[in-house]
Amino acid sequence: MNEALLNLIREWGDQLLLGLQIVMILLIAFLLQRLVARGLARLGRRYPLPPELLLPLRGGIRWFIIGGALIMVLERFGVSATVLWTAFSGFVAVAAIAFFAIWSVLSNLLCAVLIMTVGPFRLGDLVELVESFDKPIVKGRVMDINLLYTTLQEVNEDGLGATVQVPNSLFFQKVLRRWRGAEIQSINPTSNE
């Protein structure tokens, strides 16, 4: 009977000790964060430091202390800091790769929204993208505007040419010349619009 009671006391004692350690870690982290915040506030009053510098510094130190306390608490539960660091760095690497992989798609989507709302050109307009020093890239009539591309029907001396799909982001990176549908009639009255 005493053996079972001793085992129960040991088991509960270990759990209470673990809980006490976690409470102490959190309490020390809280007090350390408050101490650093007061120290930075005192430093800001003593020296003419701008609040734009102190606010992010205080937030960064706060998150550093919270992260350290979290790692210590998880170590108390048996989770290795090496495993946590490996998981975190793996997640950051995958997120960075995914971000760069979809960057051009997101850029084209945002530019499509801007084209549709701001209206630098419309369907039927004649547009020309120009590189620096007046070197034309592409010139054509706007046939379609979708979320990724703007479709142009190229215009050449013989009439209409090939269909070209231009990424929407290119319209915000290059110089754009535009002729509205009515203006095209006055420029080229023989066209069959």
N, C-alpha and C. Protein backbone atom coordinates (compact mmCIF):
# COMPACT_ATOMS: atom_id res chain seq x y z
N MET A 1 0.82 -1.19 0.00
CA MET A 1 0.00 0.00 0.00
C MET A 1 0.86 1.26 0.00
N ASN A 2 1.88 1.28 0.81
CA ASN A 2 2.78 2.43 0.88
C ASN A 2 3.54 2.61 -0.44
N GLU A 3 3.86 1.50 -1.10
CA GLU A 3 4.57 1.56 -2.38
C GLU A 3 3.71 2.25 -3.43
N ALA A 4 2.43 1.92 -3.51
CA ALA A 4 1.52 2.54 -4.47
C ALA A 4 1.35 4.03 -4.16
N LEU A 5 1.26 4.36 -2.88
CA LEU A 5 1.13 5.75 -2.48
C LEU A 5 2.37 6.55 -2.82
N LEU A 6 3.54 5.96 -2.61
CA LEU A 6 4.80 6.63 -2.96
C LEU A 6 4.91 6.86 -4.47
N ASN A 7 4.50 5.88 -5.26
CA ASN A 7 4.52 6.03 -6.72
C ASN A 7 3.57 7.15 -7.16
N LEU A 8 2.40 7.21 -6.54
CA LEU A 8 1.44 8.25 -6.85
C LEU A 8 1.98 9.63 -6.49
N ILE A 9 2.62 9.73 -5.33
CA ILE A 9 3.20 11.00 -4.89
C ILE A 9 4.34 11.41 -5.83
N ARG A 10 5.18 10.44 -6.23
CA ARG A 10 6.26 10.74 -7.17
C ARG A 10 5.71 11.22 -8.51
N GLU A 11 4.68 10.52 -8.99
CA GLU A 11 4.09 10.90 -10.29
C GLU A 11 3.49 12.31 -10.22
N TRP A 12 2.72 12.57 -9.18
CA TRP A 12 2.14 13.89 -9.03
C TRP A 12 3.21 14.93 -8.73
N GLY A 13 4.23 14.54 -8.02
CA GLY A 13 5.33 15.47 -7.72
C GLY A 13 6.06 15.88 -8.99
N ASP A 14 6.28 14.90 -9.89
CA ASP A 14 6.92 15.23 -11.17
C ASP A 14 6.06 16.19 -11.98
N GLN A 15 4.75 15.94 -12.00
CA GLN A 15 3.86 16.82 -12.75
C GLN A 15 3.82 18.22 -12.13
N LEU A 16 3.79 18.28 -10.80
CA LEU A 16 3.78 19.58 -10.12
C LEU A 16 5.10 20.33 -10.36
N LEU A 17 6.20 19.58 -10.33
CA LEU A 17 7.50 20.20 -10.60
C LEU A 17 7.56 20.75 -12.03
N LEU A 18 7.05 19.98 -12.99
CA LEU A 18 7.00 20.43 -14.38
C LEU A 18 6.14 21.69 -14.50
N GLY A 19 4.98 21.70 -13.86
CA GLY A 19 4.11 22.87 -13.88
C GLY A 19 4.77 24.08 -13.24
N LEU A 20 5.46 23.85 -12.12
CA LEU A 20 6.16 24.94 -11.44
C LEU A 20 7.28 25.50 -12.32
N GLN A 21 8.01 24.62 -13.00
CA GLN A 21 9.06 25.08 -13.90
C GLN A 21 8.49 25.93 -15.04
N ILE A 22 7.37 25.51 -15.60
CA ILE A 22 6.75 26.26 -16.69
C ILE A 22 6.27 27.62 -16.20
N VAL A 23 5.63 27.66 -15.03
CA VAL A 23 5.18 28.93 -14.47
C VAL A 23 6.36 29.85 -14.21
N MET A 24 7.46 29.31 -13.71
CA MET A 24 8.65 30.12 -13.45
C MET A 24 9.25 30.66 -14.75
N ILE A 25 9.31 29.84 -15.77
CA ILE A 25 9.83 30.30 -17.07
C ILE A 25 8.98 31.45 -17.60
N LEU A 26 7.65 31.28 -17.55
CA LEU A 26 6.75 32.33 -18.06
C LEU A 26 6.84 33.60 -17.22
N LEU A 27 6.96 33.44 -15.89
CA LEU A 27 7.07 34.59 -15.01
C LEU A 27 8.37 35.35 -15.26
N ILE A 28 9.47 34.62 -15.40
CA ILE A 28 10.76 35.27 -15.67
C ILE A 28 10.73 35.96 -17.03
N ALA A 29 10.12 35.33 -18.02
CA ALA A 29 10.03 35.95 -19.34
C ALA A 29 9.19 37.23 -19.27
N PHE A 30 8.09 37.19 -18.54
CA PHE A 30 7.25 38.38 -18.40
C PHE A 30 8.01 39.50 -17.70
N LEU A 31 8.69 39.17 -16.61
CA LEU A 31 9.44 40.18 -15.87
C LEU A 31 10.60 40.73 -16.72
N LEU A 32 11.27 39.87 -17.45
CA LEU A 32 12.36 40.30 -18.32
C LEU A 32 11.85 41.23 -19.42
N GLN A 33 10.70 40.89 -19.98
CA GLN A 33 10.12 41.74 -21.02
C GLN A 33 9.75 43.10 -20.45
N ARG A 34 9.17 43.14 -19.26
CA ARG A 34 8.81 44.41 -18.63
C ARG A 34 10.06 45.23 -18.29
N LEU A 35 11.10 44.56 -17.81
CA LEU A 35 12.35 45.23 -17.47
C LEU A 35 12.98 45.85 -18.71
N VAL A 36 13.01 45.12 -19.80
CA VAL A 36 13.56 45.65 -21.05
C VAL A 36 12.72 46.82 -21.56
N ALA A 37 11.39 46.71 -21.48
CA ALA A 37 10.52 47.80 -21.94
C ALA A 37 10.77 49.06 -21.12
N ARG A 38 10.90 48.91 -19.80
CA ARG A 38 11.17 50.08 -18.96
C ARG A 38 12.56 50.66 -19.25
N GLY A 39 13.53 49.77 -19.45
CA GLY A 39 14.87 50.24 -19.77
C GLY A 39 14.91 51.01 -21.08
N LEU A 40 14.19 50.52 -22.09
CA LEU A 40 14.15 51.24 -23.37
C LEU A 40 13.40 52.56 -23.22
N ALA A 41 12.35 52.59 -22.42
CA ALA A 41 11.62 53.84 -22.20
C ALA A 41 12.52 54.85 -21.49
N ARG A 42 13.27 54.40 -20.50
CA ARG A 42 14.20 55.28 -19.79
C ARG A 42 15.29 55.77 -20.73
N LEU A 43 15.78 54.88 -21.58
CA LEU A 43 16.79 55.25 -22.57
C LEU A 43 16.25 56.30 -23.54
N GLY A 44 14.99 56.13 -23.93
CA GLY A 44 14.35 57.09 -24.83
C GLY A 44 14.15 58.45 -24.19
N ARG A 45 13.91 58.49 -22.87
CA ARG A 45 13.76 59.77 -22.19
C ARG A 45 15.11 60.46 -21.97
N ARG A 46 16.13 59.65 -21.71
CA ARG A 46 17.44 60.22 -21.41
C ARG A 46 18.13 60.76 -22.66
N TYR A 47 18.03 60.00 -23.75
CA TYR A 47 18.64 60.42 -25.01
C TYR A 47 17.52 60.73 -26.01
N PRO A 48 17.74 61.65 -26.90
CA PRO A 48 16.68 62.00 -27.86
C PRO A 48 16.52 60.95 -28.97
N LEU A 49 16.03 59.78 -28.60
CA LEU A 49 15.81 58.71 -29.57
C LEU A 49 14.38 58.79 -30.10
N PRO A 50 14.20 58.67 -31.40
CA PRO A 50 12.84 58.77 -31.96
C PRO A 50 12.00 57.55 -31.60
N PRO A 51 10.70 57.76 -31.40
CA PRO A 51 9.82 56.63 -31.10
C PRO A 51 9.76 55.62 -32.24
N GLU A 52 10.02 56.08 -33.49
CA GLU A 52 10.01 55.16 -34.63
C GLU A 52 11.12 54.13 -34.52
N LEU A 53 12.15 54.41 -33.72
CA LEU A 53 13.23 53.46 -33.50
C LEU A 53 12.92 52.57 -32.30
N LEU A 54 12.40 53.17 -31.24
CA LEU A 54 12.17 52.43 -30.00
C LEU A 54 11.02 51.43 -30.10
N LEU A 55 9.97 51.79 -30.82
CA LEU A 55 8.80 50.91 -30.90
C LEU A 55 9.13 49.57 -31.57
N PRO A 56 9.76 49.55 -32.76
CA PRO A 56 10.10 48.25 -33.35
C PRO A 56 11.16 47.49 -32.55
N LEU A 57 12.08 48.24 -31.93
CA LEU A 57 13.11 47.58 -31.12
C LEU A 57 12.47 46.88 -29.92
N ARG A 58 11.55 47.56 -29.27
CA ARG A 58 10.86 46.96 -28.12
C ARG A 58 10.02 45.75 -28.56
N GLY A 59 9.34 45.86 -29.70
CA GLY A 59 8.55 44.73 -30.21
C GLY A 59 9.43 43.55 -30.59
N GLY A 60 10.56 43.82 -31.23
CA GLY A 60 11.47 42.74 -31.61
C GLY A 60 12.04 42.02 -30.41
N ILE A 61 12.45 42.79 -29.40
CA ILE A 61 12.98 42.16 -28.18
C ILE A 61 11.88 41.37 -27.47
N ARG A 62 10.66 41.90 -27.45
CA ARG A 62 9.55 41.19 -26.82
C ARG A 62 9.32 39.84 -27.50
N TRP A 63 9.31 39.81 -28.84
CA TRP A 63 9.10 38.55 -29.54
C TRP A 63 10.27 37.60 -29.35
N PHE A 64 11.48 38.14 -29.23
CA PHE A 64 12.65 37.30 -28.97
C PHE A 64 12.52 36.63 -27.60
N ILE A 65 12.09 37.38 -26.59
CA ILE A 65 11.91 36.82 -25.25
C ILE A 65 10.77 35.80 -25.23
N ILE A 66 9.66 36.11 -25.89
CA ILE A 66 8.54 35.17 -25.96
C ILE A 66 8.95 33.88 -26.66
N GLY A 67 9.68 34.01 -27.77
CA GLY A 67 10.15 32.82 -28.49
C GLY A 67 11.09 31.98 -27.65
N GLY A 68 12.00 32.65 -26.92
CA GLY A 68 12.91 31.90 -26.04
C GLY A 68 12.16 31.18 -24.93
N ALA A 69 11.17 31.85 -24.35
CA ALA A 69 10.37 31.22 -23.31
C ALA A 69 9.58 30.04 -23.86
N LEU A 70 9.04 30.20 -25.06
CA LEU A 70 8.30 29.10 -25.69
C LEU A 70 9.19 27.89 -25.93
N ILE A 71 10.41 28.14 -26.40
CA ILE A 71 11.34 27.03 -26.62
C ILE A 71 11.68 26.34 -25.31
N MET A 72 11.88 27.13 -24.24
CA MET A 72 12.19 26.53 -22.93
C MET A 72 11.02 25.70 -22.41
N VAL A 73 9.79 26.21 -22.59
CA VAL A 73 8.62 25.46 -22.14
C VAL A 73 8.49 24.16 -22.93
N LEU A 74 8.68 24.23 -24.25
CA LEU A 74 8.58 23.01 -25.05
C LEU A 74 9.69 22.02 -24.71
N GLU A 75 10.87 22.51 -24.33
CA GLU A 75 11.94 21.60 -23.89
C GLU A 75 11.55 20.89 -22.60
N ARG A 76 10.82 21.56 -21.74
CA ARG A 76 10.34 20.93 -20.51
C ARG A 76 9.39 19.77 -20.83
N PHE A 77 8.67 19.88 -21.95
CA PHE A 77 7.77 18.81 -22.37
C PHE A 77 8.49 17.74 -23.19
N GLY A 78 9.79 17.91 -23.43
CA GLY A 78 10.57 16.91 -24.13
C GLY A 78 10.78 17.17 -25.61
N VAL A 79 10.39 18.33 -26.09
CA VAL A 79 10.60 18.67 -27.49
C VAL A 79 11.98 19.31 -27.61
N SER A 80 12.79 18.80 -28.52
CA SER A 80 14.15 19.29 -28.69
C SER A 80 14.15 20.60 -29.46
N ALA A 81 15.02 21.52 -29.05
CA ALA A 81 15.15 22.81 -29.75
C ALA A 81 15.68 22.59 -31.15
N THR A 82 16.49 21.57 -31.35
CA THR A 82 17.01 21.27 -32.68
C THR A 82 15.88 20.88 -33.62
N VAL A 83 14.95 20.08 -33.13
CA VAL A 83 13.80 19.68 -33.94
C VAL A 83 12.95 20.90 -34.29
N LEU A 84 12.73 21.78 -33.31
CA LEU A 84 11.96 22.99 -33.56
C LEU A 84 12.65 23.89 -34.59
N TRP A 85 13.97 24.06 -34.44
CA TRP A 85 14.70 24.90 -35.39
C TRP A 85 14.67 24.31 -36.79
N THR A 86 14.81 23.00 -36.89
CA THR A 86 14.76 22.34 -38.19
C THR A 86 13.38 22.52 -38.83
N ALA A 87 12.34 22.34 -38.04
CA ALA A 87 10.98 22.51 -38.57
C ALA A 87 10.74 23.95 -39.00
N PHE A 88 11.17 24.89 -38.19
CA PHE A 88 10.98 26.31 -38.52
C PHE A 88 11.75 26.70 -39.77
N SER A 89 13.01 26.30 -39.86
CA SER A 89 13.80 26.67 -41.04
C SER A 89 13.26 25.98 -42.30
N GLY A 90 12.77 24.76 -42.18
CA GLY A 90 12.15 24.09 -43.31
C GLY A 90 10.90 24.79 -43.77
N PHE A 91 10.09 25.23 -42.82
CA PHE A 91 8.87 25.96 -43.16
C PHE A 91 9.20 27.28 -43.86
N VAL A 92 10.19 27.99 -43.35
CA VAL A 92 10.58 29.27 -43.96
C VAL A 92 11.11 29.05 -45.37
N ALA A 93 11.90 28.00 -45.58
CA ALA A 93 12.44 27.71 -46.91
C ALA A 93 11.32 27.40 -47.90
N VAL A 94 10.37 26.56 -47.49
CA VAL A 94 9.25 26.22 -48.37
C VAL A 94 8.39 27.45 -48.66
N ALA A 95 8.16 28.27 -47.64
CA ALA A 95 7.36 29.49 -47.84
C ALA A 95 8.06 30.45 -48.79
N ALA A 96 9.37 30.58 -48.68
CA ALA A 96 10.11 31.47 -49.58
C ALA A 96 10.07 30.97 -51.01
N ILE A 97 10.23 29.67 -51.19
CA ILE A 97 10.17 29.10 -52.54
C ILE A 97 8.78 29.27 -53.13
N ALA A 98 7.76 29.02 -52.33
CA ALA A 98 6.39 29.18 -52.81
C ALA A 98 6.09 30.64 -53.15
N PHE A 99 6.60 31.55 -52.33
CA PHE A 99 6.37 32.97 -52.60
C PHE A 99 7.01 33.38 -53.92
N PHE A 100 8.24 32.97 -54.16
CA PHE A 100 8.90 33.33 -55.41
C PHE A 100 8.26 32.62 -56.60
N ALA A 101 7.73 31.43 -56.38
CA ALA A 101 7.11 30.70 -57.48
C ALA A 101 5.82 31.36 -57.94
N ILE A 102 5.07 31.93 -57.02
CA ILE A 102 3.79 32.54 -57.40
C ILE A 102 3.86 34.05 -57.53
N TRP A 103 5.05 34.63 -57.37
CA TRP A 103 5.18 36.08 -57.42
C TRP A 103 4.70 36.65 -58.76
N SER A 104 5.13 36.06 -59.87
CA SER A 104 4.74 36.62 -61.17
C SER A 104 3.23 36.48 -61.40
N VAL A 105 2.65 35.38 -60.94
CA VAL A 105 1.21 35.20 -61.10
C VAL A 105 0.46 36.25 -60.27
N LEU A 106 0.89 36.45 -59.03
CA LEU A 106 0.23 37.46 -58.18
C LEU A 106 0.42 38.86 -58.75
N SER A 107 1.58 39.13 -59.31
CA SER A 107 1.84 40.42 -59.92
C SER A 107 0.90 40.65 -61.10
N ASN A 108 0.72 39.64 -61.95
CA ASN A 108 -0.18 39.78 -63.09
C ASN A 108 -1.63 39.94 -62.64
N LEU A 109 -2.03 39.23 -61.58
CA LEU A 109 -3.39 39.37 -61.07
C LEU A 109 -3.65 40.78 -60.55
N LEU A 110 -2.70 41.31 -59.79
CA LEU A 110 -2.86 42.66 -59.26
C LEU A 110 -2.89 43.68 -60.40
N CYS A 111 -2.04 43.50 -61.39
CA CYS A 111 -2.02 44.43 -62.53
C CYS A 111 -3.33 44.33 -63.33
N ALA A 112 -3.91 43.13 -63.43
CA ALA A 112 -5.20 43.00 -64.11
C ALA A 112 -6.28 43.79 -63.39
N VAL A 113 -6.28 43.72 -62.07
CA VAL A 113 -7.25 44.50 -61.29
C VAL A 113 -7.03 45.99 -61.53
N LEU A 114 -5.77 46.42 -61.56
CA LEU A 114 -5.48 47.83 -61.82
C LEU A 114 -5.90 48.24 -63.22
N ILE A 115 -5.66 47.39 -64.20
CA ILE A 115 -6.07 47.71 -65.58
C ILE A 115 -7.58 47.86 -65.66
N MET A 116 -8.30 46.98 -64.97
CA MET A 116 -9.76 47.02 -65.05
C MET A 116 -10.35 48.18 -64.25
N THR A 117 -9.68 48.60 -63.18
CA THR A 117 -10.23 49.68 -62.37
C THR A 117 -9.74 51.05 -62.81
N VAL A 118 -8.46 51.19 -63.09
CA VAL A 118 -7.91 52.48 -63.48
C VAL A 118 -8.20 52.77 -64.95
N GLY A 119 -8.16 51.74 -65.78
CA GLY A 119 -8.49 51.88 -67.19
C GLY A 119 -7.47 52.62 -68.04
N PRO A 120 -6.19 52.22 -68.00
CA PRO A 120 -5.23 52.88 -68.88
C PRO A 120 -5.53 52.61 -70.36
N PHE A 121 -6.26 51.53 -70.64
CA PHE A 121 -6.73 51.24 -71.99
C PHE A 121 -7.96 50.36 -71.88
N ARG A 122 -8.70 50.27 -73.00
CA ARG A 122 -9.93 49.48 -73.03
C ARG A 122 -9.90 48.54 -74.22
N LEU A 123 -10.89 47.69 -74.29
CA LEU A 123 -11.03 46.83 -75.46
C LEU A 123 -11.20 47.70 -76.70
N GLY A 124 -10.52 47.34 -77.77
CA GLY A 124 -10.61 48.08 -79.01
C GLY A 124 -9.57 49.17 -79.17
N ASP A 125 -8.90 49.56 -78.08
CA ASP A 125 -7.85 50.58 -78.18
C ASP A 125 -6.62 50.00 -78.86
N LEU A 126 -5.86 50.88 -79.46
CA LEU A 126 -4.58 50.51 -80.05
C LEU A 126 -3.51 50.90 -79.04
N VAL A 127 -2.70 49.92 -78.61
CA VAL A 127 -1.67 50.20 -77.61
C VAL A 127 -0.32 49.78 -78.15
N GLU A 128 0.70 50.44 -77.65
CA GLU A 128 2.07 50.11 -78.04
C GLU A 128 2.93 50.18 -76.79
N LEU A 129 3.63 49.10 -76.50
CA LEU A 129 4.60 49.09 -75.41
C LEU A 129 5.94 49.52 -75.98
N VAL A 130 6.59 50.45 -75.29
CA VAL A 130 7.82 51.03 -75.80
C VAL A 130 8.93 50.81 -74.78
N GLU A 131 10.05 50.31 -75.27
CA GLU A 131 11.25 50.17 -74.45
C GLU A 131 11.91 51.55 -74.40
N SER A 132 12.94 51.68 -73.63
CA SER A 132 13.63 52.96 -73.55
C SER A 132 14.17 53.37 -74.93
N PHE A 133 14.34 54.65 -75.12
CA PHE A 133 14.83 55.23 -76.38
C PHE A 133 13.89 54.96 -77.54
N ASP A 134 12.59 54.92 -77.25
CA ASP A 134 11.56 54.85 -78.28
C ASP A 134 11.64 53.60 -79.14
N LYS A 135 12.12 52.51 -78.58
CA LYS A 135 12.19 51.24 -79.30
C LYS A 135 10.91 50.45 -79.01
N PRO A 136 10.04 50.23 -80.01
CA PRO A 136 8.78 49.54 -79.73
C PRO A 136 8.99 48.06 -79.43
N ILE A 137 8.22 47.56 -78.49
CA ILE A 137 8.24 46.14 -78.15
C ILE A 137 7.13 45.42 -78.90
N VAL A 138 5.90 45.90 -78.69
CA VAL A 138 4.75 45.31 -79.37
C VAL A 138 3.70 46.39 -79.54
N LYS A 139 2.96 46.29 -80.66
CA LYS A 139 1.89 47.24 -80.94
C LYS A 139 0.70 46.44 -81.44
N GLY A 140 -0.47 46.71 -80.91
CA GLY A 140 -1.65 46.00 -81.36
C GLY A 140 -2.93 46.50 -80.75
N ARG A 141 -4.03 46.00 -81.30
CA ARG A 141 -5.37 46.36 -80.83
C ARG A 141 -5.73 45.42 -79.67
N VAL A 142 -6.27 45.98 -78.60
CA VAL A 142 -6.65 45.19 -77.43
C VAL A 142 -7.89 44.37 -77.77
N MET A 143 -7.73 43.05 -77.74
CA MET A 143 -8.82 42.14 -78.06
C MET A 143 -9.48 41.56 -76.80
N ASP A 144 -8.65 41.33 -75.75
CA ASP A 144 -9.18 40.70 -74.53
C ASP A 144 -8.27 41.08 -73.37
N ILE A 145 -8.88 41.24 -72.20
CA ILE A 145 -8.14 41.48 -70.96
C ILE A 145 -8.62 40.44 -69.96
N ASN A 146 -7.72 39.54 -69.53
CA ASN A 146 -8.10 38.58 -68.50
C ASN A 146 -7.17 38.75 -67.30
N LEU A 147 -7.23 37.83 -66.36
CA LEU A 147 -6.49 38.01 -65.11
C LEU A 147 -4.98 37.88 -65.25
N LEU A 148 -4.50 37.23 -66.29
CA LEU A 148 -3.05 37.05 -66.45
C LEU A 148 -2.49 37.81 -67.64
N TYR A 149 -3.22 37.84 -68.74
CA TYR A 149 -2.70 38.40 -69.98
C TYR A 149 -3.70 39.38 -70.60
N THR A 150 -3.13 40.27 -71.40
CA THR A 150 -3.93 41.10 -72.29
C THR A 150 -3.61 40.63 -73.69
N THR A 151 -4.64 40.29 -74.45
CA THR A 151 -4.44 39.78 -75.81
C THR A 151 -4.50 40.95 -76.78
N LEU A 152 -3.45 41.06 -77.61
CA LEU A 152 -3.36 42.11 -78.63
C LEU A 152 -3.36 41.47 -80.01
N GLN A 153 -4.02 42.11 -80.94
CA GLN A 153 -3.95 41.73 -82.35
C GLN A 153 -2.94 42.69 -82.97
N GLU A 154 -1.77 42.17 -83.36
CA GLU A 154 -0.72 43.04 -83.89
C GLU A 154 -1.17 43.78 -85.13
N VAL A 155 -0.68 44.99 -85.26
CA VAL A 155 -1.00 45.83 -86.41
C VAL A 155 0.30 46.07 -87.17
N ASN A 156 0.28 45.77 -88.47
CA ASN A 156 1.45 46.06 -89.31
C ASN A 156 0.97 46.78 -90.57
N GLU A 157 1.88 47.03 -91.49
CA GLU A 157 1.54 47.80 -92.69
C GLU A 157 0.51 47.08 -93.56
N ASP A 158 0.50 45.76 -93.57
CA ASP A 158 -0.41 44.98 -94.41
C ASP A 158 -1.79 44.81 -93.78
N GLY A 159 -1.97 45.30 -92.59
CA GLY A 159 -3.25 45.09 -91.90
C GLY A 159 -2.98 44.46 -90.55
N LEU A 160 -3.82 43.54 -90.15
CA LEU A 160 -3.67 42.90 -88.85
C LEU A 160 -2.69 41.74 -88.95
N GLY A 161 -1.96 41.52 -87.85
CA GLY A 161 -0.96 40.47 -87.81
C GLY A 161 -1.32 39.40 -86.79
N ALA A 162 -0.32 38.88 -86.14
CA ALA A 162 -0.49 37.77 -85.19
C ALA A 162 -1.15 38.24 -83.90
N THR A 163 -1.66 37.27 -83.15
CA THR A 163 -2.23 37.54 -81.83
C THR A 163 -1.11 37.38 -80.81
N VAL A 164 -0.98 38.34 -79.90
CA VAL A 164 0.08 38.34 -78.89
C VAL A 164 -0.55 38.44 -77.52
N GLN A 165 -0.10 37.60 -76.61
CA GLN A 165 -0.56 37.70 -75.23
C GLN A 165 0.55 38.35 -74.41
N VAL A 166 0.26 39.50 -73.84
CA VAL A 166 1.23 40.28 -73.08
C VAL A 166 0.87 40.15 -71.60
N PRO A 167 1.84 39.77 -70.74
CA PRO A 167 1.54 39.73 -69.30
C PRO A 167 1.10 41.10 -68.80
N ASN A 168 0.10 41.12 -67.96
CA ASN A 168 -0.46 42.39 -67.49
C ASN A 168 0.56 43.25 -66.76
N SER A 169 1.50 42.63 -66.07
CA SER A 169 2.50 43.41 -65.33
C SER A 169 3.39 44.21 -66.25
N LEU A 170 3.55 43.78 -67.48
CA LEU A 170 4.41 44.49 -68.43
C LEU A 170 3.87 45.89 -68.75
N PHE A 171 2.56 46.07 -68.67
CA PHE A 171 1.97 47.38 -68.95
C PHE A 171 2.32 48.41 -67.88
N PHE A 172 2.76 47.96 -66.71
CA PHE A 172 3.16 48.87 -65.64
C PHE A 172 4.67 48.98 -65.52
N GLN A 173 5.41 48.22 -66.33
CA GLN A 173 6.86 48.28 -66.30
C GLN A 173 7.44 49.03 -67.48
N LYS A 174 6.69 49.18 -68.54
CA LYS A 174 7.17 49.82 -69.76
C LYS A 174 6.32 51.04 -70.05
N VAL A 175 6.81 51.86 -70.97
CA VAL A 175 6.06 53.02 -71.42
C VAL A 175 4.94 52.53 -72.33
N LEU A 176 3.76 53.10 -72.16
CA LEU A 176 2.60 52.67 -72.93
C LEU A 176 2.06 53.83 -73.75
N ARG A 177 1.93 53.60 -75.06
CA ARG A 177 1.24 54.55 -75.92
C ARG A 177 -0.14 54.00 -76.20
N ARG A 178 -1.14 54.89 -76.22
CA ARG A 178 -2.51 54.43 -76.40
C ARG A 178 -3.24 55.36 -77.35
N TRP A 179 -4.03 54.74 -78.23
CA TRP A 179 -4.95 55.48 -79.08
C TRP A 179 -6.33 54.89 -78.84
N ARG A 180 -7.28 55.73 -78.48
CA ARG A 180 -8.65 55.26 -78.24
C ARG A 180 -9.28 54.86 -79.57
N GLY A 181 -10.36 54.11 -79.53
CA GLY A 181 -11.01 53.63 -80.74
C GLY A 181 -11.37 54.73 -81.71
N ALA A 182 -11.91 55.88 -81.25
CA ALA A 182 -12.29 56.99 -82.13
C ALA A 182 -11.05 57.67 -82.71
N GLU A 183 -9.98 57.71 -81.92
CA GLU A 183 -8.74 58.34 -82.40
C GLU A 183 -8.12 57.53 -83.53
N ILE A 184 -8.31 56.22 -83.50
CA ILE A 184 -7.73 55.35 -84.54
C ILE A 184 -8.38 55.66 -85.88
N GLN A 185 -9.68 55.96 -85.88
CA GLN A 185 -10.39 56.30 -87.12
C GLN A 185 -9.79 57.54 -87.77
N SER A 186 -9.43 58.54 -86.92
CA SER A 186 -8.86 59.75 -87.50
C SER A 186 -7.43 59.55 -87.95
N ILE A 187 -6.71 58.61 -87.34
CA ILE A 187 -5.33 58.33 -87.74
C ILE A 187 -5.33 57.51 -89.04
N ASN A 188 -6.19 56.50 -89.09
CA ASN A 188 -6.21 55.57 -90.22
C ASN A 188 -7.65 55.40 -90.69
N PRO A 189 -8.16 56.30 -91.53
CA PRO A 189 -9.58 56.22 -91.92
C PRO A 189 -9.88 55.03 -92.82
N THR A 190 -8.88 54.36 -93.37
CA THR A 190 -9.14 53.23 -94.27
C THR A 190 -9.29 51.92 -93.51
N SER A 191 -9.06 51.96 -92.20
CA SER A 191 -9.17 50.70 -91.45
C SER A 191 -10.63 50.27 -91.38
N ASN A 192 -10.84 48.99 -91.28
CA ASN A 192 -12.19 48.44 -91.32
C ASN A 192 -12.69 48.12 -89.92
N GLU A 193 -12.95 49.16 -89.13
CA GLU A 193 -13.39 48.93 -87.75
C GLU A 193 -14.88 48.78 -87.70
